[in-house]
Amino acid sequence: MADVFRALDDRTRRIILDLLVERDGRSLFEICGALTTRYGLSSSRQAISQHLAVLEEAGLVRTERQGRTKLHHFDPGPLAEIARRWPERKQDP
């Protein structure tokens, strides 16, 4: 669970997850393009690849190969586990 919190403790990684929630199955090239054009983040492909590796280690991103392209998918499982551990409390009326 510590990996999840560490992964989320970075603005760029949170934006990458937002992009994957918006449209799942993006390539590294598509993610880099969206970060630059929509958010003005001009990190190198290598830096974004490292961010994706952190997200994958935390279980928040999974990948699949389609030919020569590696696609990235958002996996909400670790976040659901956190929500189950600390569920929202209902307030008394």
Foldseek 3Di string as FASTA:
>chain_A
DVLVVVLVPDPLSVVLLVVQVVPNWDFLVVSQVCCCPPVVDNDDSVVVVVSVVSCVVLVQWDWDDDDPTITIHGDCVVVVVVCVVPPDDDDDD
